Amino acid sequence: MPVRDKTTETTEQALHQFLLGVARMQAGSKFWRPLDRSERRDYDAFIEEWLPACRRALGIGEYGSVAIALRIESPLTPEVILEAIRDDGREWRESVIPADLRKNGVLKVDVRIRGSDVRMRYEWGIGAPSFDTLELRGTVSTGANGGSLVLARSGRNSGLAGSIATLLVISVLLWFRESKGWGAPLFLALVIGIVRFISDSEVTRQKDPAARYLAERLEGAVTSANTAALPAS
């Protein structure tokens, strides 16, 4: 089934189908016939057991610790907020970039806006990392009480390759978990490694200055627009 937009809901559905497939493989289920409701219920316990680990590994839902989550409300319209973010992206002076980021090769923040979607990434100088997955992605929509609601995440984007690799690792973990003998110690070692990797990959304002600065640039653009709209005293 083709998916036009990757959302939390579509990712959740994909994870359910992935885990259902793994459970059926372990049970020796035949794949060329549809499952009835009673058979699906037989696999529910397995899916619910492993779903949190998959969420955490992919950094989605309530386990989204691999990004700084932002929720910003403004009395201004989405059009005004988007224009303020776009205007902030026109800032070209290197002096506005924190010294530690400039030292690592950051030249400026590149802002791309498409419809209501916002993306911020760093532009790097010569000799800087040629591949960087850090970015801020967000949307600007109409708030419940009028005005605007900005939802965004600043963190590492592993993309499709990272997601596939993560699911393959989870598959290996599930396989060894059901094996006997030397499989159990290896399964435990792999679990520990994954947990450590997830912990080290955690993105917070304290741990990741680069992700923090992208979040601050978005917050600053909205704040500047709100301030400019205040009546002159």
Protein backbone atom coordinates (compact mmCIF):
# COMPACT_ATOMS: atom_id res chain seq x y z
CA MET A 1 0.00 0.00 0.00
CA PRO A 2 1.64 3.31 -1.07
CA VAL A 3 2.13 5.96 1.64
CA ARG A 4 2.17 9.59 0.55
CA ASP A 5 3.05 11.14 3.90
CA LYS A 6 5.09 9.56 6.68
CA THR A 7 3.21 10.26 9.89
CA THR A 8 3.22 8.75 13.37
CA GLU A 9 0.07 6.84 12.47
CA THR A 10 1.47 5.31 9.28
CA THR A 11 4.72 4.39 11.05
CA GLU A 12 2.73 2.76 13.84
CA GLN A 13 0.76 0.71 11.31
CA ALA A 14 3.98 -0.35 9.59
CA LEU A 15 5.50 -1.47 12.90
CA HIS A 16 2.40 -3.50 13.71
CA GLN A 17 2.56 -5.25 10.34
CA PHE A 18 6.32 -5.84 10.71
CA LEU A 19 5.93 -7.43 14.15
CA LEU A 20 2.92 -9.44 12.98
CA GLY A 21 5.06 -10.84 10.17
CA VAL A 22 7.88 -11.76 12.55
CA ALA A 23 5.42 -13.44 14.93
CA ARG A 24 3.89 -15.44 12.09
CA MET A 25 7.34 -16.54 10.88
CA GLN A 26 8.22 -17.81 14.35
CA ALA A 27 4.88 -19.63 14.61
CA GLY A 28 5.26 -21.20 11.15
CA SER A 29 2.14 -19.50 9.83
CA LYS A 30 1.35 -19.77 6.13
CA PHE A 31 1.49 -16.36 4.43
CA TRP A 32 -0.60 -17.06 1.35
CA ARG A 33 -3.90 -16.96 3.22
CA PRO A 34 -5.51 -14.08 5.16
CA LEU A 35 -5.66 -14.14 8.95
CA ASP A 36 -8.96 -14.21 10.78
CA ARG A 37 -9.54 -12.17 13.93
CA SER A 38 -8.88 -15.04 16.33
CA GLU A 39 -5.48 -15.72 14.75
CA ARG A 40 -4.55 -12.04 14.93
CA ARG A 41 -5.38 -12.01 18.64
CA ASP A 42 -2.93 -14.88 19.15
CA TYR A 43 -0.11 -12.55 18.09
CA ASP A 44 -1.26 -9.47 20.03
CA ALA A 45 0.83 -10.25 23.12
CA PHE A 46 4.00 -10.57 21.04
CA ILE A 47 3.31 -7.29 19.23
CA GLU A 48 2.57 -5.36 22.43
CA GLU A 49 5.75 -6.73 24.03
CA TRP A 50 8.04 -5.57 21.24
CA LEU A 51 6.26 -2.44 20.02
CA PRO A 52 7.80 -0.14 22.69
CA ALA A 53 11.31 -1.33 21.76
CA CYS A 54 10.64 -0.61 18.08
CA ARG A 55 9.27 2.84 18.90
CA ARG A 56 12.30 3.66 20.98
CA ALA A 57 14.71 2.40 18.32
CA LEU A 58 13.05 4.51 15.63
CA GLY A 59 12.61 7.52 17.90
CA ILE A 60 8.85 7.94 17.45
CA GLY A 61 5.81 8.44 19.62
CA GLU A 62 6.24 8.68 23.36
CA TYR A 63 9.80 7.34 22.98
CA GLY A 64 10.99 10.16 20.72
CA SER A 65 14.14 10.91 22.72
CA VAL A 66 16.29 11.33 19.61
CA ALA A 67 14.98 14.84 18.99
CA ILE A 68 14.07 18.04 20.82
CA ALA A 69 10.29 18.42 20.57
CA LEU A 70 8.86 21.92 20.19
CA ARG A 71 5.31 23.18 20.60
CA ILE A 72 4.92 26.94 20.12
CA GLU A 73 1.67 28.90 20.10
CA SER A 74 1.27 32.38 18.63
CA PRO A 75 -1.66 34.78 18.24
CA LEU A 76 -0.48 35.56 14.71
CA THR A 77 -1.68 33.79 11.57
CA PRO A 78 0.28 30.88 10.09
CA GLU A 79 1.14 33.05 7.07
CA VAL A 80 2.80 35.66 9.28
CA ILE A 81 4.70 33.04 11.27
CA LEU A 82 5.92 31.27 8.12
CA GLU A 83 7.12 34.57 6.68
CA ALA A 84 8.98 35.33 9.94
CA ILE A 85 10.72 31.94 9.78
CA ARG A 86 11.56 32.51 6.12
CA ASP A 87 12.97 35.94 6.94
CA ASP A 88 15.12 34.47 9.72
CA GLY A 89 16.60 32.11 7.14
CA ARG A 90 17.90 35.09 5.18
CA GLU A 91 20.34 35.89 8.01
CA TRP A 92 23.79 35.54 6.44
CA ARG A 93 26.14 36.85 9.13
CA GLU A 94 28.39 34.14 10.56
CA SER A 95 28.59 36.07 13.82
CA VAL A 96 25.07 34.98 14.76
CA ILE A 97 26.20 31.34 14.80
CA PRO A 98 27.52 30.23 18.23
CA ALA A 99 31.31 30.12 18.40
CA ASP A 100 31.52 26.36 19.03
CA LEU A 101 29.42 25.64 15.94
CA ARG A 102 31.46 28.04 13.80
CA LYS A 103 34.60 26.30 15.00
CA ASN A 104 33.19 23.01 13.72
CA GLY A 105 32.51 24.48 10.30
CA VAL A 106 28.92 25.74 10.39
CA LEU A 107 28.43 28.75 8.09
CA LYS A 108 24.71 29.44 8.39
CA VAL A 109 21.27 27.92 8.86
CA ASP A 110 19.48 26.93 5.67
CA VAL A 111 15.71 27.35 5.94
CA ARG A 112 13.34 25.68 3.47
CA ILE A 113 9.58 26.22 3.57
CA ARG A 114 7.12 24.26 1.47
CA GLY A 115 3.49 25.03 2.15
CA SER A 116 3.09 24.75 5.91
CA ASP A 117 6.20 22.55 6.33
CA VAL A 118 9.48 23.93 7.66
CA ARG A 119 12.95 22.42 7.46
CA MET A 120 16.15 23.85 8.95
CA ARG A 121 19.63 22.44 8.33
CA TYR A 122 23.18 23.68 8.63
CA GLU A 123 25.34 24.83 5.74
CA TRP A 124 28.93 23.66 6.25
CA GLY A 125 32.20 25.13 5.10
CA ILE A 126 35.10 23.39 3.33
CA GLY A 127 36.51 20.52 5.36
CA ALA A 128 33.37 20.21 7.48
CA PRO A 129 31.32 17.00 7.64
CA SER A 130 30.04 16.15 4.16
CA PHE A 131 27.11 14.15 5.56
CA ASP A 132 25.09 15.47 8.45
CA THR A 133 21.72 14.09 9.51
CA LEU A 134 20.88 16.87 11.98
CA GLU A 135 17.83 18.87 10.99
CA LEU A 136 14.72 20.55 12.32
CA ARG A 137 11.40 19.67 10.73
CA GLY A 138 8.08 21.16 11.66
CA THR A 139 4.68 22.39 10.56
CA VAL A 140 2.80 25.63 11.12
CA SER A 141 -0.97 25.26 11.34
CA THR A 142 -3.98 27.18 12.61
CA GLY A 143 -4.33 26.87 16.38
CA ALA A 144 -7.45 25.64 18.17
CA ASN A 145 -8.24 29.18 19.38
CA GLY A 146 -7.10 30.94 16.22
CA GLY A 147 -3.56 32.12 15.70
CA SER A 148 -0.87 29.55 14.98
CA LEU A 149 0.47 26.31 16.36
CA VAL A 150 4.06 25.35 15.53
CA LEU A 151 5.07 21.73 16.06
CA ALA A 152 8.65 20.75 15.33
CA ARG A 153 11.44 18.32 16.16
CA SER A 154 15.15 19.09 16.08
CA GLY A 155 17.36 16.02 15.97
CA ARG A 156 19.01 13.31 13.92
CA ASN A 157 17.24 12.01 10.87
CA SER A 158 18.43 8.50 10.04
CA GLY A 159 16.12 8.30 7.01
CA LEU A 160 14.89 5.15 5.34
CA ALA A 161 18.25 3.36 5.48
CA GLY A 162 18.50 3.86 9.22
CA SER A 163 14.96 2.65 9.77
CA ILE A 164 15.54 -0.48 7.70
CA ALA A 165 18.80 -1.18 9.54
CA THR A 166 17.05 -0.76 12.88
CA LEU A 167 14.28 -3.16 11.93
CA LEU A 168 16.85 -5.70 10.73
CA VAL A 169 18.64 -5.49 14.08
CA ILE A 170 15.32 -5.97 15.90
CA SER A 171 14.64 -9.00 13.69
CA VAL A 172 17.97 -10.51 14.75
CA LEU A 173 17.14 -9.87 18.39
CA LEU A 174 13.78 -11.57 18.04
CA TRP A 175 15.37 -14.54 16.26
CA PHE A 176 18.06 -15.13 18.88
CA ARG A 177 15.60 -14.68 21.68
CA GLU A 178 13.82 -17.83 20.52
CA SER A 179 17.02 -19.81 19.97
CA LYS A 180 18.66 -22.10 22.50
CA GLY A 181 22.16 -22.57 23.89
CA TRP A 182 24.56 -19.82 22.91
CA GLY A 183 21.70 -17.77 21.42
CA ALA A 184 20.51 -16.48 24.80
CA PRO A 185 23.82 -14.84 25.86
CA LEU A 186 24.25 -13.34 22.40
CA PHE A 187 20.69 -12.01 22.53
CA LEU A 188 21.42 -10.34 25.88
CA ALA A 189 24.63 -8.77 24.54
CA LEU A 190 22.80 -7.40 21.51
CA VAL A 191 20.04 -5.94 23.69
CA ILE A 192 22.63 -4.19 25.88
CA GLY A 193 24.33 -2.80 22.79
CA ILE A 194 21.09 -1.44 21.38
CA VAL A 195 20.11 0.14 24.70
CA ARG A 196 23.52 1.83 24.97
CA PHE A 197 23.29 3.07 21.38
CA ILE A 198 19.85 4.57 22.00
CA SER A 199 21.06 6.21 25.21
CA ASP A 200 24.12 7.70 23.50
CA SER A 201 21.94 8.95 20.62
CA GLU A 202 19.61 10.87 22.91
CA VAL A 203 19.19 14.48 21.82
CA THR A 204 18.44 17.10 24.48
CA ARG A 205 19.14 20.81 24.83
CA GLN A 206 21.91 19.97 27.29
CA LYS A 207 23.55 17.17 25.30
CA ASP A 208 23.39 18.51 21.76
CA PRO A 209 24.22 22.22 21.22
CA ALA A 210 23.73 21.93 17.46
CA ALA A 211 20.18 20.61 17.80
CA ARG A 212 19.50 23.17 20.53
CA TYR A 213 20.54 26.07 18.30
CA LEU A 214 18.16 25.04 15.52
CA ALA A 215 15.36 24.89 18.08
CA GLU A 216 16.34 28.30 19.41
CA ARG A 217 16.36 29.80 15.92
CA LEU A 218 12.79 28.63 15.36
CA GLU A 219 11.69 29.88 18.76
CA GLY A 220 13.45 33.19 18.16
CA ALA A 221 11.74 33.71 14.79
CA VAL A 222 8.30 33.21 16.33
CA THR A 223 9.12 35.42 19.31
CA SER A 224 10.39 38.20 17.03
CA ALA A 225 7.17 38.07 15.00
CA ASN A 226 5.06 38.25 18.15
CA THR A 227 7.06 41.20 19.44
CA ALA A 228 6.88 43.08 16.13
CA ALA A 229 3.10 42.72 16.14
CA LEU A 230 2.67 44.37 19.54
CA PRO A 231 1.15 47.86 19.42
CA ALA A 232 3.65 50.67 19.86
CA SER A 233 3.59 52.16 23.37
